[in-house]
């Protein structure tokens, strides 16, 4: 993957999130914000979609819980089942971390279970 393209995708995601977050409608209903970001991602070329997915993988591997949760929200909306192994790893790390919130680990586990159901049912679109 072209690193410059991944950096461009990351900047684009951050700016889009920032721009949408300032909208009062999205401010009141954050779920709609992630739906909109996922919709925008789906409009990108396949190459840029791959760069966005590389960004999401990078965020999942980070130690920043906000980035991890943002990545999970987008992965769910994109129904990107290819992230299941990485999400399993994130869950194990969070569950074993005495500092991490148990609630956060359980949220990750719930997201993982939902993605697994997408995969098992053949509902994925990505």
N, C-alpha and C. Protein backbone atom coordinates (compact mmCIF):
# COMPACT_ATOMS: atom_id res chain seq x y z
N UNK A 1 0.85 -1.18 0.00
CA UNK A 1 0.00 0.00 0.00
C UNK A 1 0.90 1.24 0.00
N UNK A 2 0.56 2.17 -0.82
CA UNK A 2 1.28 3.43 -0.94
C UNK A 2 1.10 4.24 0.35
N UNK A 3 2.20 4.48 1.05
CA UNK A 3 2.15 5.17 2.35
C UNK A 3 1.58 6.59 2.22
N UNK A 4 1.90 7.27 1.13
CA UNK A 4 1.38 8.62 0.93
C UNK A 4 -0.15 8.59 0.79
N UNK A 5 -0.65 7.57 0.12
CA UNK A 5 -2.10 7.43 -0.04
C UNK A 5 -2.77 7.14 1.30
N UNK A 6 -2.12 6.33 2.13
CA UNK A 6 -2.66 6.03 3.46
C UNK A 6 -2.68 7.30 4.32
N UNK A 7 -1.62 8.08 4.25
CA UNK A 7 -1.58 9.34 5.00
C UNK A 7 -2.66 10.30 4.52
N UNK A 8 -2.87 10.34 3.20
CA UNK A 8 -3.92 11.18 2.64
C UNK A 8 -5.29 10.71 3.13
N UNK A 9 -5.51 9.41 3.14
CA UNK A 9 -6.78 8.85 3.60
C UNK A 9 -7.00 9.16 5.08
N UNK A 10 -5.94 9.07 5.87
CA UNK A 10 -6.07 9.37 7.30
C UNK A 10 -6.42 10.84 7.51
N UNK A 11 -5.75 11.73 6.80
CA UNK A 11 -6.06 13.16 6.91
C UNK A 11 -7.49 13.43 6.48
N UNK A 12 -7.92 12.79 5.41
CA UNK A 12 -9.28 12.95 4.92
C UNK A 12 -10.30 12.48 5.96
N UNK A 13 -10.07 11.30 6.55
CA UNK A 13 -10.98 10.78 7.58
C UNK A 13 -11.08 11.71 8.77
N UNK A 14 -9.94 12.18 9.23
CA UNK A 14 -9.91 13.08 10.40
C UNK A 14 -10.64 14.37 10.08
N UNK A 15 -10.38 14.94 8.89
CA UNK A 15 -11.03 16.20 8.52
C UNK A 15 -12.53 16.02 8.34
N UNK A 16 -12.93 14.92 7.69
CA UNK A 16 -14.35 14.66 7.50
C UNK A 16 -15.05 14.52 8.84
N UNK A 17 -14.45 13.79 9.74
CA UNK A 17 -15.03 13.61 11.09
C UNK A 17 -15.15 14.96 11.79
N UNK A 18 -14.10 15.76 11.68
CA UNK A 18 -14.10 17.09 12.32
C UNK A 18 -15.19 17.98 11.71
N UNK A 19 -15.29 17.98 10.39
CA UNK A 19 -16.29 18.81 9.71
C UNK A 19 -17.71 18.38 10.09
N UNK A 20 -17.95 17.07 10.07
CA UNK A 20 -19.29 16.58 10.39
C UNK A 20 -19.62 16.78 11.87
N UNK A 21 -18.62 16.66 12.72
CA UNK A 21 -18.85 16.82 14.17
C UNK A 21 -19.34 18.21 14.52
N UNK A 22 -18.99 19.19 13.70
CA UNK A 22 -19.42 20.56 13.99
C UNK A 22 -20.86 20.82 13.56
N UNK A 23 -21.44 19.89 12.81
CA UNK A 23 -22.84 20.01 12.39
C UNK A 23 -23.75 19.65 13.56
N UNK A 24 -24.72 20.50 13.85
CA UNK A 24 -25.58 20.29 15.02
C UNK A 24 -26.34 18.96 14.97
N UNK A 25 -26.76 18.55 13.79
CA UNK A 25 -27.50 17.29 13.66
C UNK A 25 -26.65 16.10 14.05
N UNK A 26 -25.41 16.10 13.59
CA UNK A 26 -24.51 15.00 13.93
C UNK A 26 -24.03 15.10 15.37
N UNK A 27 -23.97 16.34 15.86
CA UNK A 27 -23.55 16.55 17.25
C UNK A 27 -24.56 15.91 18.21
N UNK A 28 -25.83 16.00 17.87
CA UNK A 28 -26.88 15.43 18.72
C UNK A 28 -27.02 13.92 18.54
N UNK A 29 -26.65 13.41 17.37
CA UNK A 29 -26.82 11.98 17.10
C UNK A 29 -25.53 11.44 16.47
N UNK A 30 -24.54 11.10 17.31
CA UNK A 30 -23.24 10.65 16.81
C UNK A 30 -23.31 9.40 15.92
N UNK A 31 -24.32 8.57 16.11
CA UNK A 31 -24.46 7.38 15.27
C UNK A 31 -24.60 7.77 13.81
N UNK A 32 -25.34 8.85 13.56
CA UNK A 32 -25.51 9.33 12.19
C UNK A 32 -24.19 9.81 11.60
N UNK A 33 -23.34 10.35 12.44
CA UNK A 33 -22.03 10.81 11.97
C UNK A 33 -21.24 9.63 11.38
N UNK A 34 -21.19 8.51 12.10
CA UNK A 34 -20.44 7.36 11.61
C UNK A 34 -21.11 6.73 10.39
N UNK A 35 -22.44 6.78 10.34
CA UNK A 35 -23.13 6.31 9.14
C UNK A 35 -22.73 7.15 7.93
N UNK A 36 -22.65 8.45 8.14
CA UNK A 36 -22.29 9.36 7.04
C UNK A 36 -20.85 9.14 6.60
N UNK A 37 -19.93 8.99 7.56
CA UNK A 37 -18.53 8.75 7.20
C UNK A 37 -18.42 7.45 6.41
N UNK A 38 -19.10 6.40 6.85
CA UNK A 38 -19.06 5.12 6.14
C UNK A 38 -19.63 5.28 4.73
N UNK A 39 -20.70 6.04 4.60
CA UNK A 39 -21.29 6.28 3.28
C UNK A 39 -20.29 6.99 2.37
N UNK A 40 -19.61 7.99 2.92
CA UNK A 40 -18.59 8.72 2.14
C UNK A 40 -17.46 7.78 1.72
N UNK A 41 -17.05 6.89 2.61
CA UNK A 41 -15.99 5.93 2.28
C UNK A 41 -16.42 5.04 1.12
N UNK A 42 -17.66 4.61 1.15
CA UNK A 42 -18.17 3.72 0.09
C UNK A 42 -18.22 4.40 -1.27
N UNK A 43 -18.21 5.73 -1.28
CA UNK A 43 -18.21 6.48 -2.54
C UNK A 43 -16.81 6.63 -3.14
N UNK A 44 -15.79 6.32 -2.36
CA UNK A 44 -14.41 6.46 -2.83
C UNK A 44 -14.05 5.38 -3.84
N UNK A 45 -12.99 5.63 -4.58
CA UNK A 45 -12.48 4.61 -5.50
C UNK A 45 -12.01 3.41 -4.69
N UNK A 46 -11.95 2.23 -5.31
CA UNK A 46 -11.47 1.05 -4.59
C UNK A 46 -10.07 1.24 -3.98
N UNK A 47 -9.21 1.96 -4.67
CA UNK A 47 -7.87 2.20 -4.16
C UNK A 47 -7.91 3.05 -2.88
N UNK A 48 -8.74 4.08 -2.87
CA UNK A 48 -8.87 4.92 -1.68
C UNK A 48 -9.59 4.19 -0.55
N UNK A 49 -10.55 3.33 -0.90
CA UNK A 49 -11.20 2.52 0.13
C UNK A 49 -10.18 1.61 0.82
N UNK A 50 -9.27 1.05 0.02
CA UNK A 50 -8.21 0.20 0.61
C UNK A 50 -7.31 1.03 1.51
N UNK A 51 -7.02 2.28 1.12
CA UNK A 51 -6.19 3.15 1.95
C UNK A 51 -6.91 3.47 3.27
N UNK A 52 -8.22 3.69 3.21
CA UNK A 52 -9.01 3.94 4.42
C UNK A 52 -8.95 2.71 5.33
N UNK A 53 -9.06 1.53 4.74
CA UNK A 53 -8.99 0.30 5.54
C UNK A 53 -7.61 0.15 6.17
N UNK A 54 -6.57 0.58 5.48
CA UNK A 54 -5.22 0.55 6.07
C UNK A 54 -5.16 1.50 7.27
N UNK A 55 -5.82 2.63 7.16
CA UNK A 55 -5.89 3.58 8.28
C UNK A 55 -6.63 2.94 9.46
N UNK A 56 -7.74 2.29 9.17
CA UNK A 56 -8.51 1.65 10.25
C UNK A 56 -7.69 0.57 10.94
N UNK A 57 -6.91 -0.18 10.18
CA UNK A 57 -6.03 -1.19 10.78
C UNK A 57 -4.98 -0.52 11.66
N UNK A 58 -4.44 0.59 11.18
CA UNK A 58 -3.46 1.35 11.96
C UNK A 58 -4.07 1.82 13.28
N UNK A 59 -5.29 2.32 13.21
CA UNK A 59 -5.96 2.82 14.41
C UNK A 59 -6.25 1.68 15.39
N UNK A 60 -6.64 0.52 14.87
CA UNK A 60 -6.89 -0.62 15.75
C UNK A 60 -5.63 -1.05 16.49
N UNK A 61 -4.49 -0.89 15.85
CA UNK A 61 -3.21 -1.30 16.44
C UNK A 61 -2.63 -0.24 17.38
N UNK A 62 -3.26 0.92 17.42
CA UNK A 62 -2.74 2.01 18.26
C UNK A 62 -3.08 1.74 19.72
N UNK A 63 -2.51 2.54 20.59
CA UNK A 63 -2.84 2.47 22.02
C UNK A 63 -3.87 3.52 22.41
N UNK A 64 -4.41 4.20 21.42
CA UNK A 64 -5.37 5.27 21.64
C UNK A 64 -6.79 4.69 21.59
N UNK A 65 -7.45 4.63 22.72
CA UNK A 65 -8.76 3.99 22.81
C UNK A 65 -9.80 4.71 21.95
N UNK A 66 -9.69 6.03 21.82
CA UNK A 66 -10.63 6.76 20.97
C UNK A 66 -10.48 6.37 19.51
N UNK A 67 -9.22 6.23 19.05
CA UNK A 67 -9.00 5.80 17.67
C UNK A 67 -9.48 4.37 17.46
N UNK A 68 -9.24 3.52 18.43
CA UNK A 68 -9.70 2.13 18.34
C UNK A 68 -11.22 2.10 18.21
N UNK A 69 -11.91 2.85 19.04
CA UNK A 69 -13.37 2.85 19.00
C UNK A 69 -13.90 3.48 17.71
N UNK A 70 -13.25 4.55 17.22
CA UNK A 70 -13.66 5.13 15.94
C UNK A 70 -13.49 4.11 14.82
N UNK A 71 -12.36 3.41 14.83
CA UNK A 71 -12.12 2.38 13.81
C UNK A 71 -13.20 1.30 13.87
N UNK A 72 -13.53 0.85 15.07
CA UNK A 72 -14.55 -0.18 15.22
C UNK A 72 -15.90 0.29 14.69
N UNK A 73 -16.27 1.52 14.99
CA UNK A 73 -17.56 2.05 14.53
C UNK A 73 -17.64 2.05 13.00
N UNK A 74 -16.52 2.44 12.37
CA UNK A 74 -16.50 2.47 10.90
C UNK A 74 -16.43 1.06 10.31
N UNK A 75 -15.65 0.20 10.91
CA UNK A 75 -15.54 -1.18 10.42
C UNK A 75 -16.91 -1.86 10.45
N UNK A 76 -17.66 -1.65 11.52
CA UNK A 76 -19.01 -2.23 11.61
C UNK A 76 -19.90 -1.70 10.50
N UNK A 77 -19.87 -0.41 10.28
CA UNK A 77 -20.74 0.18 9.26
C UNK A 77 -20.31 -0.21 7.85
N UNK A 78 -19.02 -0.47 7.68
CA UNK A 78 -18.53 -0.92 6.37
C UNK A 78 -18.65 -2.44 6.23
N UNK A 79 -19.03 -3.10 7.34
CA UNK A 79 -19.18 -4.56 7.38
C UNK A 79 -17.92 -5.25 6.86
N UNK A 80 -16.78 -4.77 7.31
CA UNK A 80 -15.48 -5.26 6.85
C UNK A 80 -15.02 -6.44 7.69
N UNK A 81 -15.47 -7.62 7.29
CA UNK A 81 -15.20 -8.83 8.07
C UNK A 81 -13.73 -9.22 8.06
N UNK A 82 -12.96 -8.67 7.14
CA UNK A 82 -11.53 -9.00 7.10
C UNK A 82 -10.79 -8.53 8.35
N UNK A 83 -11.42 -7.68 9.13
CA UNK A 83 -10.80 -7.17 10.36
C UNK A 83 -11.02 -8.09 11.56
N UNK A 84 -11.80 -9.15 11.41
CA UNK A 84 -12.12 -10.01 12.55
C UNK A 84 -10.87 -10.48 13.30
N UNK A 85 -9.84 -11.01 12.63
CA UNK A 85 -8.66 -11.46 13.39
C UNK A 85 -7.98 -10.33 14.18
N UNK A 86 -7.90 -9.15 13.60
CA UNK A 86 -7.28 -8.03 14.28
C UNK A 86 -8.14 -7.57 15.46
N UNK A 87 -9.44 -7.58 15.30
CA UNK A 87 -10.33 -7.18 16.40
C UNK A 87 -10.25 -8.20 17.53
N UNK A 88 -10.11 -9.48 17.19
CA UNK A 88 -9.92 -10.51 18.22
C UNK A 88 -8.66 -10.21 19.04
N UNK A 89 -7.61 -9.81 18.35
CA UNK A 89 -6.35 -9.46 19.03
C UNK A 89 -6.53 -8.24 19.93
N UNK A 90 -7.22 -7.23 19.44
CA UNK A 90 -7.48 -6.02 20.23
C UNK A 90 -8.28 -6.38 21.48
N UNK A 91 -9.29 -7.23 21.30
CA UNK A 91 -10.11 -7.64 22.45
C UNK A 91 -9.25 -8.35 23.50
N UNK A 92 -8.41 -9.28 23.06
CA UNK A 92 -7.55 -10.00 24.02
C UNK A 92 -6.62 -9.04 24.76
N UNK A 93 -6.08 -8.06 24.05
CA UNK A 93 -5.19 -7.09 24.69
C UNK A 93 -5.94 -6.24 25.71
N UNK A 94 -7.13 -5.78 25.35
CA UNK A 94 -7.91 -4.95 26.26
C UNK A 94 -8.39 -5.75 27.47
N UNK A 95 -8.79 -6.99 27.23
CA UNK A 95 -9.28 -7.83 28.33
C UNK A 95 -8.17 -8.14 29.32
N UNK A 96 -6.93 -8.21 28.85
CA UNK A 96 -5.80 -8.54 29.72
C UNK A 96 -5.18 -7.31 30.37
N UNK A 97 -5.56 -6.13 29.92
CA UNK A 97 -4.97 -4.89 30.41
C UNK A 97 -5.72 -4.43 31.67
N UNK A 98 -5.03 -4.41 32.82
CA UNK A 98 -5.71 -4.00 34.05
C UNK A 98 -6.13 -2.53 34.05
N UNK A 99 -5.52 -1.73 33.20
CA UNK A 99 -5.86 -0.31 33.14
C UNK A 99 -7.06 -0.06 32.24
N UNK A 100 -7.21 -0.87 31.20
CA UNK A 100 -8.33 -0.69 30.26
C UNK A 100 -9.64 -0.99 30.96
N UNK A 101 -10.65 -0.29 30.54
CA UNK A 101 -11.99 -0.49 31.10
C UNK A 101 -12.55 -1.83 30.64
N UNK A 102 -13.12 -2.57 31.56
CA UNK A 102 -13.79 -3.81 31.20
C UNK A 102 -14.93 -3.56 30.24
N UNK A 103 -15.58 -2.41 30.39
CA UNK A 103 -16.67 -2.04 29.50
C UNK A 103 -16.16 -1.89 28.08
N UNK A 104 -15.00 -1.28 27.91
CA UNK A 104 -14.42 -1.11 26.58
C UNK A 104 -14.13 -2.46 25.95
N UNK A 105 -13.55 -3.36 26.71
CA UNK A 105 -13.26 -4.70 26.19
C UNK A 105 -14.55 -5.40 25.77
N UNK A 106 -15.58 -5.25 26.56
CA UNK A 106 -16.87 -5.89 26.23
C UNK A 106 -17.49 -5.26 24.98
N UNK A 107 -17.33 -3.95 24.82
CA UNK A 107 -17.83 -3.28 23.61
C UNK A 107 -17.11 -3.83 22.38
N UNK A 108 -15.80 -4.03 22.50
CA UNK A 108 -15.03 -4.58 21.40
C UNK A 108 -15.51 -6.01 21.10
N UNK A 109 -15.76 -6.77 22.16
CA UNK A 109 -16.24 -8.14 21.98
C UNK A 109 -17.61 -8.15 21.29
N UNK A 110 -18.50 -7.23 21.68
CA UNK A 110 -19.81 -7.14 21.04
C UNK A 110 -19.67 -6.82 19.55
N UNK A 111 -18.79 -5.88 19.22
CA UNK A 111 -18.55 -5.53 17.82
C UNK A 111 -18.01 -6.73 17.05
N UNK A 112 -17.10 -7.45 17.67
CA UNK A 112 -16.52 -8.63 17.06
C UNK A 112 -17.61 -9.68 16.78
N UNK A 113 -18.48 -9.89 17.75
CA UNK A 113 -19.56 -10.86 17.58
C UNK A 113 -20.50 -10.45 16.44
N UNK A 114 -20.77 -9.16 16.33
CA UNK A 114 -21.63 -8.68 15.26
C UNK A 114 -20.99 -8.91 13.90
N UNK A 115 -19.71 -8.61 13.78
CA UNK A 115 -19.01 -8.85 12.52
C UNK A 115 -19.00 -10.34 12.18
N UNK A 116 -18.81 -11.16 13.18
CA UNK A 116 -18.81 -12.61 12.96
C UNK A 116 -20.18 -13.06 12.44
N UNK A 117 -21.25 -12.47 12.97
CA UNK A 117 -22.59 -12.81 12.48
C UNK A 117 -22.78 -12.37 11.03
N UNK A 118 -22.23 -11.18 10.68
CA UNK A 118 -22.27 -10.74 9.28
C UNK A 118 -21.61 -11.79 8.40
N UNK A 119 -20.44 -12.22 8.84
CA UNK A 119 -19.68 -13.20 8.06
C UNK A 119 -20.45 -14.51 7.93
N UNK A 120 -20.96 -15.00 9.04
CA UNK A 120 -21.66 -16.30 9.05
C UNK A 120 -22.95 -16.28 8.25
N UNK A 121 -23.60 -15.12 8.20
CA UNK A 121 -24.87 -15.04 7.51
C UNK A 121 -24.73 -14.63 6.04
N UNK A 122 -23.52 -14.23 5.66
CA UNK A 122 -23.30 -13.80 4.29
C UNK A 122 -23.86 -12.43 3.98
N UNK A 123 -24.09 -11.61 5.02
CA UNK A 123 -24.67 -10.27 4.83
C UNK A 123 -23.66 -9.22 4.41
N UNK A 124 -22.38 -9.51 4.51
CA UNK A 124 -21.39 -8.47 4.24
C UNK A 124 -21.49 -7.97 2.81
N UNK A 125 -21.22 -6.69 2.65
CA UNK A 125 -21.30 -6.04 1.35
C UNK A 125 -19.94 -5.62 0.85
N UNK A 126 -18.95 -5.59 1.73
CA UNK A 126 -17.62 -5.09 1.37
C UNK A 126 -16.81 -6.17 0.70
